[in-house]
C-alpha atoms as a PDB file:
ATOM      1  CA  MET A   1      -8.560   5.648  11.463  1.00  0.00           C
ATOM      2  CA  LEU A   2      -5.576   7.220   9.739  1.00  0.00           C
ATOM      3  CA  LEU A   3      -2.120   5.662   9.459  1.00  0.00           C
ATOM      4  CA  HIS A   4       0.657   7.660   7.764  1.00  0.00           C
ATOM      5  CA  LEU A   5       4.109   6.132   7.276  1.00  0.00           C
ATOM      6  CA  GLN A   6       7.053   7.841   5.550  1.00  0.00           C
ATOM      7  CA  THR A   7      10.202   6.269   4.148  1.00  0.00           C
ATOM      8  CA  ALA A   8      13.135   8.227   2.704  1.00  0.00           C
ATOM      9  CA  VAL A   9      14.850   6.554  -0.246  1.00  0.00           C
ATOM     10  CA  GLN A  10      17.750   7.470  -2.497  1.00  0.00           C
ATOM     11  CA  GLN A  11      16.162   7.362  -5.957  1.00  0.00           C
ATOM     12  CA  ASP A  12      14.269  10.199  -7.606  1.00  0.00           C
ATOM     13  CA  TYR A  13      10.522  10.291  -7.104  1.00  0.00           C
ATOM     14  CA  LEU A  14       9.577   9.402 -10.687  1.00  0.00           C
ATOM     15  CA  SER A  15      11.793   6.307 -10.758  1.00  0.00           C
ATOM     16  CA  VAL A  16      10.305   5.200  -7.448  1.00  0.00           C
ATOM     17  CA  PHE A  17       6.731   5.901  -8.527  1.00  0.00           C
ATOM     18  CA  HIS A  18       7.074   4.006 -11.803  1.00  0.00           C
ATOM     19  CA  ALA A  19       8.482   0.995  -9.918  1.00  0.00           C
ATOM     20  CA  PHE A  20       5.140   0.359  -8.199  1.00  0.00           C
ATOM     21  CA  ASP A  21       4.423  -2.740 -10.251  1.00  0.00           C
ATOM     22  CA  GLU A  22       3.511  -6.373  -9.635  1.00  0.00           C
ATOM     23  CA  GLN A  23       7.091  -7.293  -8.716  1.00  0.00           C
ATOM     24  CA  LEU A  24       7.268  -4.612  -5.983  1.00  0.00           C
ATOM     25  CA  PHE A  25       3.759  -5.525  -4.798  1.00  0.00           C
ATOM     26  CA  ARG A  26       4.939  -9.103  -4.198  1.00  0.00           C
ATOM     27  CA  LYS A  27       8.045  -7.906  -2.308  1.00  0.00           C
ATOM     28  CA  LEU A  28       5.917  -5.691  -0.058  1.00  0.00           C
ATOM     29  CA  ALA A  29       3.547  -8.498   0.953  1.00  0.00           C
ATOM     30  CA  PRO A  30       3.699  -9.227   4.687  1.00  0.00           C
ATOM     31  CA  PRO A  31       4.714 -12.712   5.848  1.00  0.00           C
ATOM     32  CA  TYR A  32       1.294 -13.180   7.484  1.00  0.00           C
ATOM     33  CA  PRO A  33      -1.343 -13.484   6.348  1.00  0.00           C
ATOM     34  CA  ARG A  34       0.029 -14.964   3.147  1.00  0.00           C
ATOM     35  CA  LEU A  35      -1.187 -13.295  -0.022  1.00  0.00           C
ATOM     36  CA  LYS A  36      -2.120 -15.124  -3.170  1.00  0.00           C
ATOM     37  CA  LEU A  37      -2.203 -12.609  -6.010  1.00  0.00           C
ATOM     38  CA  LEU A  38      -5.247 -13.222  -8.187  1.00  0.00           C
ATOM     39  CA  ARG A  39      -5.164 -10.088 -10.351  1.00  0.00           C
ATOM     40  CA  PHE A  40      -2.852  -7.126 -10.785  1.00  0.00           C
ATOM     41  CA  ASP A  41      -3.803  -4.681 -13.533  1.00  0.00           C
ATOM     42  CA  GLY A  42      -1.500  -1.813 -12.514  1.00  0.00           C
ATOM     43  CA  SER A  43      -1.892   1.577 -10.868  1.00  0.00           C
ATOM     44  CA  ALA A  44      -4.028   3.580 -13.292  1.00  0.00           C
ATOM     45  CA  PRO A  45      -7.627   4.577 -12.566  1.00  0.00           C
ATOM     46  CA  GLY A  46      -9.911   1.640 -13.273  1.00  0.00           C
ATOM     47  CA  ASP A  47      -7.189  -0.956 -12.621  1.00  0.00           C
ATOM     48  CA  VAL A  48      -7.972  -3.721 -10.142  1.00  0.00           C
ATOM     49  CA  VAL A  49      -5.753  -5.526  -7.659  1.00  0.00           C
ATOM     50  CA  GLU A  50      -7.208  -8.680  -6.163  1.00  0.00           C
ATOM     51  CA  VAL A  51      -5.661 -10.971  -3.572  1.00  0.00           C
ATOM     52  CA  LYS A  52      -6.683 -13.867  -1.411  1.00  0.00           C
ATOM     53  CA  LEU A  53      -5.520 -13.533   2.198  1.00  0.00           C
ATOM     54  CA  GLN A  54      -4.639 -16.983   3.480  1.00  0.00           C
ATOM     55  CA  THR A  55      -4.633 -17.205   7.279  1.00  0.00           C
ATOM     56  CA  GLY A  56      -4.122 -20.956   7.487  1.00  0.00           C
ATOM     57  CA  ILE A  57      -7.630 -21.390   8.857  1.00  0.00           C
ATOM     58  CA  ARG A  58      -9.645 -19.384   6.391  1.00  0.00           C
ATOM     59  CA  SER A  59      -9.159 -17.354   3.222  1.00  0.00           C
ATOM     60  CA  PHE A  60     -10.523 -13.904   2.508  1.00  0.00           C
ATOM     61  CA  ARG A  61     -10.737 -12.034  -0.779  1.00  0.00           C
ATOM     62  CA  TRP A  62      -9.528  -8.433  -0.978  1.00  0.00           C
ATOM     63  CA  THR A  63     -10.268  -6.437  -4.094  1.00  0.00           C
ATOM     64  CA  SER A  64      -9.106  -2.859  -4.565  1.00  0.00           C
ATOM     65  CA  LEU A  65      -9.901  -0.433  -7.355  1.00  0.00           C
ATOM     66  CA  ILE A  66      -7.419   2.248  -8.386  1.00  0.00           C
ATOM     67  CA  THR A  67      -9.446   5.448  -8.236  1.00  0.00           C
ATOM     68  CA  GLU A  68      -6.838   8.215  -8.658  1.00  0.00           C
ATOM     69  CA  ARG A  69      -3.429   8.719 -10.209  1.00  0.00           C
ATOM     70  CA  GLU A  70      -1.509  11.938 -10.762  1.00  0.00           C
ATOM     71  CA  ILE A  71       2.039  12.991 -11.573  1.00  0.00           C
ATOM     72  CA  THR A  72       3.267  16.540 -10.954  1.00  0.00           C
ATOM     73  CA  ASP A  73       6.706  18.132 -11.113  1.00  0.00           C
ATOM     74  CA  LYS A  74       7.410  17.294  -7.433  1.00  0.00           C
ATOM     75  CA  ALA A  75       5.153  14.373  -6.518  1.00  0.00           C
ATOM     76  CA  ALA A  76       3.230  11.410  -7.883  1.00  0.00           C
ATOM     77  CA  TRP A  77       0.520   9.241  -6.368  1.00  0.00           C
ATOM     78  CA  PHE A  78      -2.178   6.701  -6.884  1.00  0.00           C
ATOM     79  CA  VAL A  79      -5.017   5.631  -4.604  1.00  0.00           C
ATOM     80  CA  ASP A  80      -6.469   2.180  -4.126  1.00  0.00           C
ATOM     81  CA  GLU A  81      -9.873   1.824  -2.498  1.00  0.00           C
ATOM     82  CA  GLY A  82     -11.209  -1.437  -1.149  1.00  0.00           C
ATOM     83  CA  GLN A  83     -14.196  -2.767  -3.025  1.00  0.00           C
ATOM     84  CA  GLU A  84     -14.253  -6.086  -1.164  1.00  0.00           C
ATOM     85  CA  VAL A  85     -12.298  -6.096   2.100  1.00  0.00           C
ATOM     86  CA  PRO A  86     -11.770  -8.818   4.690  1.00  0.00           C
ATOM     87  CA  PRO A  87     -13.496  -8.658   8.037  1.00  0.00           C
ATOM     88  CA  PRO A  88     -13.458  -6.786  10.271  1.00  0.00           C
ATOM     89  CA  LEU A  89     -12.695  -3.998   7.759  1.00  0.00           C
ATOM     90  CA  ARG A  90     -15.537  -2.118   6.130  1.00  0.00           C
ATOM     91  CA  LYS A  91     -13.628   0.750   4.509  1.00  0.00           C
ATOM     92  CA  TRP A  92     -10.120   0.957   3.003  1.00  0.00           C
ATOM     93  CA  ARG A  93      -8.319   3.780   1.190  1.00  0.00           C
ATOM     94  CA  HIS A  94      -4.557   3.712   0.580  1.00  0.00           C
ATOM     95  CA  LYS A  95      -2.771   6.640  -1.016  1.00  0.00           C
ATOM     96  CA  HIS A  96       0.685   5.749  -2.356  1.00  0.00           C
ATOM     97  CA  LEU A  97       2.417   9.134  -2.505  1.00  0.00           C
ATOM     98  CA  VAL A  98       6.011   9.685  -3.625  1.00  0.00           C
ATOM     99  CA  LYS A  99       7.470  13.181  -3.157  1.00  0.00           C
ATOM    100  CA  GLN A 100      10.732  14.614  -4.392  1.00  0.00           C
ATOM    101  CA  HIS A 101      13.130  15.189  -1.486  1.00  0.00           C
ATOM    102  CA  GLY A 102      16.551  16.572  -2.381  1.00  0.00           C
ATOM    103  CA  GLY A 103      18.244  14.035  -4.655  1.00  0.00           C
ATOM    104  CA  GLY A 104      15.954  11.273  -3.414  1.00  0.00           C
ATOM    105  CA  ALA A 105      12.330  10.786  -2.511  1.00  0.00           C
ATOM    106  CA  ILE A 106      10.003  10.146   0.384  1.00  0.00           C
ATOM    107  CA  ILE A 107       7.426   7.396   0.035  1.00  0.00           C
ATOM    108  CA  HIS A 108       4.219   8.038   1.966  1.00  0.00           C
ATOM    109  CA  ASP A 109       1.780   5.255   2.745  1.00  0.00           C
ATOM    110  CA  ILE A 110      -1.372   7.077   3.816  1.00  0.00           C
ATOM    111  CA  ILE A 111      -4.014   4.590   4.898  1.00  0.00           C
ATOM    112  CA  GLU A 112      -7.552   5.302   6.010  1.00  0.00           C
ATOM    113  CA  TYR A 113      -9.477   2.325   7.320  1.00  0.00           C
ATOM    114  CA  SER A 114     -12.601   1.645   9.315  1.00  0.00           C
ATOM    115  CA  THR A 115     -14.321  -1.340  10.848  1.00  0.00           C
ATOM    116  CA  GLY A 116     -17.361   0.713  11.730  1.00  0.00           C
ATOM    117  CA  TYR A 117     -16.347   0.605  15.401  1.00  0.00           C
ATOM    118  CA  LYS A 118     -13.895   3.211  16.693  1.00  0.00           C
ATOM    119  CA  ALA A 119     -12.636   0.965  19.533  1.00  0.00           C
ATOM    120  CA  LEU A 120     -11.875  -1.854  17.087  1.00  0.00           C
ATOM    121  CA  ASP A 121     -10.120   0.599  14.750  1.00  0.00           C
ATOM    122  CA  VAL A 122      -7.860   1.583  17.659  1.00  0.00           C
ATOM    123  CA  ILE A 123      -7.198  -2.067  18.545  1.00  0.00           C
ATOM    124  CA  LEU A 124      -6.216  -2.806  14.923  1.00  0.00           C
ATOM    125  CA  TYR A 125      -3.868   0.188  14.690  1.00  0.00           C
ATOM    126  CA  PRO A 126      -0.726  -1.523  16.090  1.00  0.00           C
ATOM    127  CA  PHE A 127      -1.263  -4.451  13.713  1.00  0.00           C
ATOM    128  CA  MET A 128      -1.643  -2.108  10.736  1.00  0.00           C
ATOM    129  CA  LEU A 129       1.427  -0.171  11.867  1.00  0.00           C
ATOM    130  CA  ALA A 130       3.452  -3.388  12.096  1.00  0.00           C
ATOM    131  CA  ALA A 131       2.233  -4.760   8.761  1.00  0.00           C
ATOM    132  CA  PHE A 132       2.936  -1.548   6.839  1.00  0.00           C
ATOM    133  CA  GLY A 133       6.054  -0.751   8.844  1.00  0.00           C
ATOM    134  CA  MET A 134       7.563  -3.888   7.280  1.00  0.00           C
ATOM    135  CA  ARG A 135       7.567  -2.033   3.969  1.00  0.00           C
ATOM    136  CA  LYS A 136      10.249   0.433   5.104  1.00  0.00           C
ATOM    137  CA  PRO A 137      13.261  -1.939   4.842  1.00  0.00           C
ATOM    138  CA  VAL A 138      11.942  -3.269   1.530  1.00  0.00           C
ATOM    139  CA  TYR A 139      11.627   0.255   0.131  1.00  0.00           C
ATOM    140  CA  ARG A 140      15.127   1.127   1.342  1.00  0.00           C
ATOM    141  CA  LYS A 141      16.636  -2.018  -0.179  1.00  0.00           C
ATOM    142  CA  VAL A 142      14.847  -1.708  -3.519  1.00  0.00           C
ATOM    143  CA  PHE A 143      15.455   2.030  -3.927  1.00  0.00           C
ATOM    144  CA  LEU A 144      18.976   2.264  -2.490  1.00  0.00           C
ATOM    145  CA  LYS A 145      20.782   2.302  -5.812  1.00  0.00           C
ATOM    146  CA  VAL A 146      20.378   5.206  -8.183  1.00  0.00           C
END
């Protein structure tokens, strides 16, 4: 299943891209499930980000490996791919793309996920949309000032 969200912000694409650090990661965390950050290496290929999802009933580990990173004269991105994902997920790929747009930038969250069951992927879609949609006001607040 593919989910693609776009958020226009007022800072230039390179400033936005280079701000994808541990501090921004913590700000982007959804209120539920709570995330406990176990490891955050960065956003270069080979880096690892590991969290524990705490549902209140049970905890699940989520480990992602940064597999790609590129900066061009109009865009920059990195990709994290799930190595260990919580059920019911089986596959996770998240491309964090920032493109130049006039004097500002557009942040793209391009997420590909799979549970292995198309019907379950469709059922999860509104939850994924809500969870990642919560990033938009955070992006706008963080990247409002130039």
